[in-house]
Structures are given as structure tokens and as C-alpha cells.
Amino acid sequence: MSSTLTIKTNNVPRDLISAFELNGAQHSKLRKEFEWMDDAEFESAMFFNYRGQIYALADFLRTEGDLLAKGWQGILNQSYFDGVLVKIVDSCKSVVVGRYFC
């Protein structure tokens, strides 16, 4: 039995930001949220905001097969049935984000 994925996106590019671009308060807040990263990982990581949550691009796994063929380059599973997909656009300055459901 094969499952069909439903993908929803508004195709709006979201800026990728790095920790060094943030002011002191923003940097501290983000650092607390990603405290599991060591300092070098955190300072080199790229982040984006989607639906009120901050995501680290490094948390996404590279896609394969049909998803990659459709342009989705990264996947972050949130449960067995759903997750978040990303397409890197604008010369690696932004991501288009989508949600998938089985």
C-alpha cells in the first residue's frame, strides 16, 4: 500500500538569518532555544521563522526521490504523519517552506 503526501505551501520565501545578524536580546533568546548546539555550530547555523517557530536549517535531512524531484530539498519529520519541507531559493538567502501530511 502506498501513501500519498499532501503538501501545503504559500510559496513565500522566508529569509535565512544567522546568529551574528541578531541584536543582543534576539541572539540570547535564540541561543537559549538552541542550547543543544555548541558555540561553533550555533554561530554558523542558518535559521528561519515559520508559523511563529524558529527552525535551524541544519535540523533538516536531505530529501530523495519524488520530494527532491519536486524541488523540496530538506525534510523535518514532526510525527509519523506530518512534517516540514524546505526549498532553498534566492542563492541560498531564503527558503520556501511547506507542510506535508500523509
N, C-alpha and C. Protein backbone atom coordinates (compact mmCIF):
# COMPACT_ATOMS: atom_id res chain seq x y z
N MET A 1 0.85 -1.18 0.00
CA MET A 1 0.00 0.00 0.00
C MET A 1 0.89 1.24 0.00
N SER A 2 0.64 2.16 -0.89
CA SER A 2 1.44 3.38 -0.93
C SER A 2 0.64 4.53 -0.33
N SER A 3 1.34 5.42 0.34
CA SER A 3 0.67 6.57 0.92
C SER A 3 0.93 7.78 0.04
N THR A 4 -0.02 8.67 0.03
CA THR A 4 0.09 9.89 -0.75
C THR A 4 0.35 11.05 0.19
N LEU A 5 1.32 11.86 -0.14
CA LEU A 5 1.61 13.05 0.65
C LEU A 5 0.83 14.24 0.12
N THR A 6 0.27 15.00 1.03
CA THR A 6 -0.34 16.27 0.70
C THR A 6 0.63 17.35 1.17
N ILE A 7 1.00 18.24 0.28
CA ILE A 7 1.92 19.32 0.61
C ILE A 7 1.20 20.65 0.48
N LYS A 8 1.29 21.45 1.54
CA LYS A 8 0.67 22.78 1.53
C LYS A 8 1.76 23.82 1.72
N THR A 9 1.76 24.81 0.84
CA THR A 9 2.71 25.92 0.94
C THR A 9 2.09 27.16 0.30
N ASN A 10 2.53 28.32 0.76
CA ASN A 10 2.11 29.56 0.11
C ASN A 10 3.20 30.09 -0.81
N ASN A 11 4.30 29.34 -0.92
CA ASN A 11 5.42 29.67 -1.80
C ASN A 11 6.06 31.03 -1.51
N VAL A 12 5.95 31.50 -0.27
CA VAL A 12 6.56 32.77 0.11
C VAL A 12 7.97 32.50 0.65
N PRO A 13 9.00 33.10 0.03
CA PRO A 13 10.36 32.92 0.56
C PRO A 13 10.50 33.55 1.94
N ARG A 14 11.17 32.85 2.83
CA ARG A 14 11.44 33.33 4.19
C ARG A 14 12.95 33.49 4.32
N ASP A 15 13.37 34.65 4.81
CA ASP A 15 14.79 34.94 4.92
C ASP A 15 15.50 33.97 5.84
N LEU A 16 16.67 33.53 5.42
CA LEU A 16 17.57 32.79 6.30
C LEU A 16 18.39 33.82 7.07
N ILE A 17 18.51 33.61 8.37
CA ILE A 17 19.28 34.54 9.19
C ILE A 17 20.34 33.75 9.96
N SER A 18 21.43 34.40 10.26
CA SER A 18 22.46 33.77 11.08
C SER A 18 22.51 34.49 12.42
N ALA A 19 23.06 33.83 13.40
CA ALA A 19 23.08 34.37 14.76
C ALA A 19 23.80 35.71 14.83
N PHE A 20 24.87 35.88 14.05
CA PHE A 20 25.63 37.13 14.14
C PHE A 20 24.87 38.33 13.58
N GLU A 21 23.75 38.10 12.89
CA GLU A 21 22.94 39.20 12.37
C GLU A 21 21.95 39.75 13.41
N LEU A 22 21.83 39.08 14.54
CA LEU A 22 20.84 39.44 15.55
C LEU A 22 21.42 40.40 16.58
N ASN A 23 20.54 41.24 17.15
CA ASN A 23 20.99 42.11 18.24
C ASN A 23 21.14 41.26 19.51
N GLY A 24 21.66 41.84 20.57
CA GLY A 24 21.96 41.11 21.80
C GLY A 24 20.81 40.32 22.38
N ALA A 25 19.64 40.94 22.51
CA ALA A 25 18.48 40.26 23.10
C ALA A 25 17.99 39.12 22.20
N GLN A 26 17.93 39.38 20.90
CA GLN A 26 17.50 38.34 19.96
C GLN A 26 18.48 37.17 19.96
N HIS A 27 19.77 37.49 19.97
CA HIS A 27 20.81 36.47 19.98
C HIS A 27 20.69 35.59 21.22
N SER A 28 20.51 36.22 22.39
CA SER A 28 20.40 35.48 23.65
C SER A 28 19.18 34.57 23.65
N LYS A 29 18.06 35.08 23.17
CA LYS A 29 16.82 34.28 23.12
C LYS A 29 17.00 33.07 22.20
N LEU A 30 17.57 33.29 21.03
CA LEU A 30 17.77 32.19 20.08
C LEU A 30 18.79 31.20 20.63
N ARG A 31 19.81 31.69 21.29
CA ARG A 31 20.84 30.80 21.85
C ARG A 31 20.24 29.87 22.89
N LYS A 32 19.32 30.38 23.72
CA LYS A 32 18.65 29.55 24.72
C LYS A 32 17.79 28.47 24.05
N GLU A 33 17.14 28.84 22.97
CA GLU A 33 16.29 27.89 22.26
C GLU A 33 17.10 26.76 21.62
N PHE A 34 18.31 27.07 21.19
CA PHE A 34 19.17 26.08 20.54
C PHE A 34 20.39 25.79 21.40
N GLU A 35 20.18 25.65 22.70
CA GLU A 35 21.28 25.43 23.64
C GLU A 35 22.01 24.10 23.41
N TRP A 36 21.37 23.17 22.73
CA TRP A 36 21.99 21.88 22.44
C TRP A 36 23.13 21.99 21.43
N MET A 37 23.16 23.09 20.66
CA MET A 37 24.25 23.31 19.70
C MET A 37 25.47 23.83 20.44
N ASP A 38 26.67 23.40 20.02
CA ASP A 38 27.86 24.03 20.60
C ASP A 38 28.02 25.41 19.96
N ASP A 39 28.92 26.22 20.50
CA ASP A 39 29.05 27.61 20.05
C ASP A 39 29.39 27.71 18.56
N ALA A 40 30.28 26.86 18.09
CA ALA A 40 30.67 26.91 16.67
C ALA A 40 29.49 26.56 15.77
N GLU A 41 28.73 25.53 16.13
CA GLU A 41 27.54 25.15 15.35
C GLU A 41 26.53 26.29 15.30
N PHE A 42 26.29 26.86 16.48
CA PHE A 42 25.29 27.92 16.58
C PHE A 42 25.68 29.14 15.74
N GLU A 43 26.91 29.55 15.84
CA GLU A 43 27.35 30.74 15.12
C GLU A 43 27.36 30.54 13.60
N SER A 44 27.47 29.31 13.13
CA SER A 44 27.49 29.07 11.69
C SER A 44 26.13 28.61 11.15
N ALA A 45 25.18 28.36 12.03
CA ALA A 45 23.87 27.86 11.61
C ALA A 45 23.02 28.95 10.95
N MET A 46 22.12 28.50 10.08
CA MET A 46 21.16 29.40 9.45
C MET A 46 19.78 29.05 9.99
N PHE A 47 18.99 30.07 10.29
CA PHE A 47 17.68 29.91 10.92
C PHE A 47 16.62 30.59 10.07
N PHE A 48 15.36 30.17 10.26
CA PHE A 48 14.24 30.87 9.64
C PHE A 48 13.03 30.74 10.53
N ASN A 49 12.12 31.68 10.38
CA ASN A 49 10.88 31.71 11.16
C ASN A 49 9.75 31.19 10.28
N TYR A 50 8.99 30.24 10.81
CA TYR A 50 7.84 29.70 10.08
C TYR A 50 6.73 29.43 11.07
N ARG A 51 5.61 30.09 10.87
CA ARG A 51 4.42 29.93 11.70
C ARG A 51 4.73 30.15 13.18
N GLY A 52 5.54 31.18 13.45
CA GLY A 52 5.85 31.55 14.83
C GLY A 52 6.91 30.71 15.51
N GLN A 53 7.52 29.80 14.79
CA GLN A 53 8.57 28.96 15.36
C GLN A 53 9.86 29.16 14.59
N ILE A 54 10.99 29.15 15.31
CA ILE A 54 12.30 29.27 14.68
C ILE A 54 12.83 27.87 14.39
N TYR A 55 13.30 27.67 13.18
CA TYR A 55 13.88 26.40 12.76
C TYR A 55 15.34 26.62 12.37
N ALA A 56 16.16 25.62 12.66
CA ALA A 56 17.55 25.62 12.20
C ALA A 56 17.61 24.77 10.94
N LEU A 57 18.15 25.33 9.89
CA LEU A 57 18.24 24.59 8.62
C LEU A 57 19.02 23.29 8.80
N ALA A 58 19.96 23.27 9.74
CA ALA A 58 20.77 22.08 9.99
C ALA A 58 19.95 20.91 10.52
N ASP A 59 18.76 21.16 11.03
CA ASP A 59 17.90 20.09 11.55
C ASP A 59 17.20 19.30 10.45
N PHE A 60 17.24 19.81 9.23
CA PHE A 60 16.55 19.18 8.11
C PHE A 60 17.45 18.14 7.44
N LEU A 61 16.86 17.01 7.08
CA LEU A 61 17.56 15.97 6.33
C LEU A 61 17.35 16.20 4.85
N ARG A 62 18.32 15.85 4.05
CA ARG A 62 18.21 15.99 2.59
C ARG A 62 17.16 15.01 2.08
N THR A 63 16.30 15.48 1.20
CA THR A 63 15.25 14.63 0.63
C THR A 63 15.81 13.79 -0.52
N GLU A 64 15.01 12.83 -0.92
CA GLU A 64 15.35 11.96 -2.04
C GLU A 64 14.08 11.73 -2.86
N GLY A 65 14.24 11.07 -3.99
CA GLY A 65 13.12 10.60 -4.79
C GLY A 65 12.16 11.68 -5.24
N ASP A 66 10.87 11.41 -5.07
CA ASP A 66 9.81 12.30 -5.55
C ASP A 66 9.89 13.70 -4.93
N LEU A 67 10.17 13.78 -3.63
CA LEU A 67 10.25 15.09 -3.00
C LEU A 67 11.36 15.93 -3.60
N LEU A 68 12.52 15.33 -3.79
CA LEU A 68 13.64 16.06 -4.39
C LEU A 68 13.32 16.44 -5.83
N ALA A 69 12.68 15.53 -6.55
CA ALA A 69 12.29 15.81 -7.94
C ALA A 69 11.31 16.99 -8.02
N LYS A 70 10.51 17.20 -6.97
CA LYS A 70 9.56 18.31 -6.93
C LYS A 70 10.19 19.59 -6.38
N GLY A 71 11.50 19.54 -6.09
CA GLY A 71 12.21 20.73 -5.64
C GLY A 71 12.38 20.86 -4.15
N TRP A 72 11.79 19.97 -3.37
CA TRP A 72 11.93 20.02 -1.91
C TRP A 72 13.27 19.41 -1.54
N GLN A 73 14.12 20.20 -0.90
CA GLN A 73 15.48 19.77 -0.63
C GLN A 73 15.71 19.28 0.79
N GLY A 74 14.85 19.65 1.72
CA GLY A 74 15.02 19.25 3.11
C GLY A 74 13.71 18.86 3.74
N ILE A 75 13.79 17.95 4.72
CA ILE A 75 12.59 17.47 5.41
C ILE A 75 12.87 17.36 6.90
N LEU A 76 11.89 17.76 7.70
CA LEU A 76 11.95 17.62 9.15
C LEU A 76 10.65 16.97 9.59
N ASN A 77 10.74 15.71 9.98
CA ASN A 77 9.54 15.00 10.43
C ASN A 77 9.14 15.51 11.80
N GLN A 78 7.84 15.77 11.96
CA GLN A 78 7.34 16.20 13.26
C GLN A 78 6.55 15.09 13.93
N SER A 79 6.05 14.17 13.15
CA SER A 79 5.41 12.95 13.64
C SER A 79 5.50 11.94 12.50
N TYR A 80 4.93 10.79 12.71
CA TYR A 80 4.92 9.77 11.66
C TYR A 80 4.13 10.23 10.44
N PHE A 81 3.18 11.17 10.66
CA PHE A 81 2.24 11.56 9.62
C PHE A 81 2.44 12.95 9.04
N ASP A 82 3.32 13.76 9.62
CA ASP A 82 3.46 15.13 9.11
C ASP A 82 4.84 15.69 9.42
N GLY A 83 5.13 16.81 8.77
CA GLY A 83 6.40 17.48 8.98
C GLY A 83 6.52 18.72 8.13
N VAL A 84 7.74 19.22 8.05
CA VAL A 84 8.04 20.47 7.35
C VAL A 84 9.04 20.18 6.24
N LEU A 85 8.84 20.83 5.10
CA LEU A 85 9.72 20.71 3.94
C LEU A 85 10.30 22.08 3.60
N VAL A 86 11.49 22.10 3.02
CA VAL A 86 12.09 23.37 2.59
C VAL A 86 12.68 23.25 1.20
N LYS A 87 12.60 24.37 0.48
CA LYS A 87 13.30 24.57 -0.78
C LYS A 87 14.22 25.77 -0.56
N ILE A 88 15.48 25.62 -0.86
CA ILE A 88 16.43 26.73 -0.71
C ILE A 88 16.38 27.55 -2.00
N VAL A 89 16.14 28.86 -1.86
CA VAL A 89 15.96 29.74 -3.02
C VAL A 89 16.79 31.01 -2.85
N ASP A 90 16.73 31.87 -3.85
CA ASP A 90 17.39 33.18 -3.82
C ASP A 90 18.88 33.08 -3.49
N SER A 91 19.57 32.18 -4.20
CA SER A 91 21.01 32.00 -3.98
C SER A 91 21.35 31.70 -2.53
N CYS A 92 20.55 30.84 -1.93
CA CYS A 92 20.75 30.39 -0.53
C CYS A 92 20.49 31.49 0.50
N LYS A 93 19.70 32.49 0.15
CA LYS A 93 19.37 33.56 1.09
C LYS A 93 18.00 33.37 1.73
N SER A 94 17.18 32.47 1.15
CA SER A 94 15.82 32.26 1.64
C SER A 94 15.42 30.80 1.48
N VAL A 95 14.31 30.47 2.15
CA VAL A 95 13.70 29.15 1.97
C VAL A 95 12.21 29.32 1.74
N VAL A 96 11.67 28.47 0.91
CA VAL A 96 10.22 28.33 0.78
C VAL A 96 9.88 27.13 1.66
N VAL A 97 8.88 27.29 2.51
CA VAL A 97 8.54 26.26 3.47
C VAL A 97 7.17 25.69 3.17
N GLY A 98 7.03 24.40 3.36
CA GLY A 98 5.75 23.74 3.20
C GLY A 98 5.53 22.74 4.31
N ARG A 99 4.30 22.37 4.51
CA ARG A 99 3.96 21.31 5.45
C ARG A 99 3.46 20.12 4.66
N TYR A 100 3.84 18.94 5.10
CA TYR A 100 3.32 17.74 4.44
C TYR A 100 2.52 16.91 5.44
N PHE A 101 1.54 16.21 4.88
CA PHE A 101 0.66 15.34 5.65
C PHE A 101 0.47 14.05 4.89
N CYS A 102 0.42 12.94 5.60
CA CYS A 102 0.13 11.65 4.97
C CYS A 102 -1.35 11.34 5.10
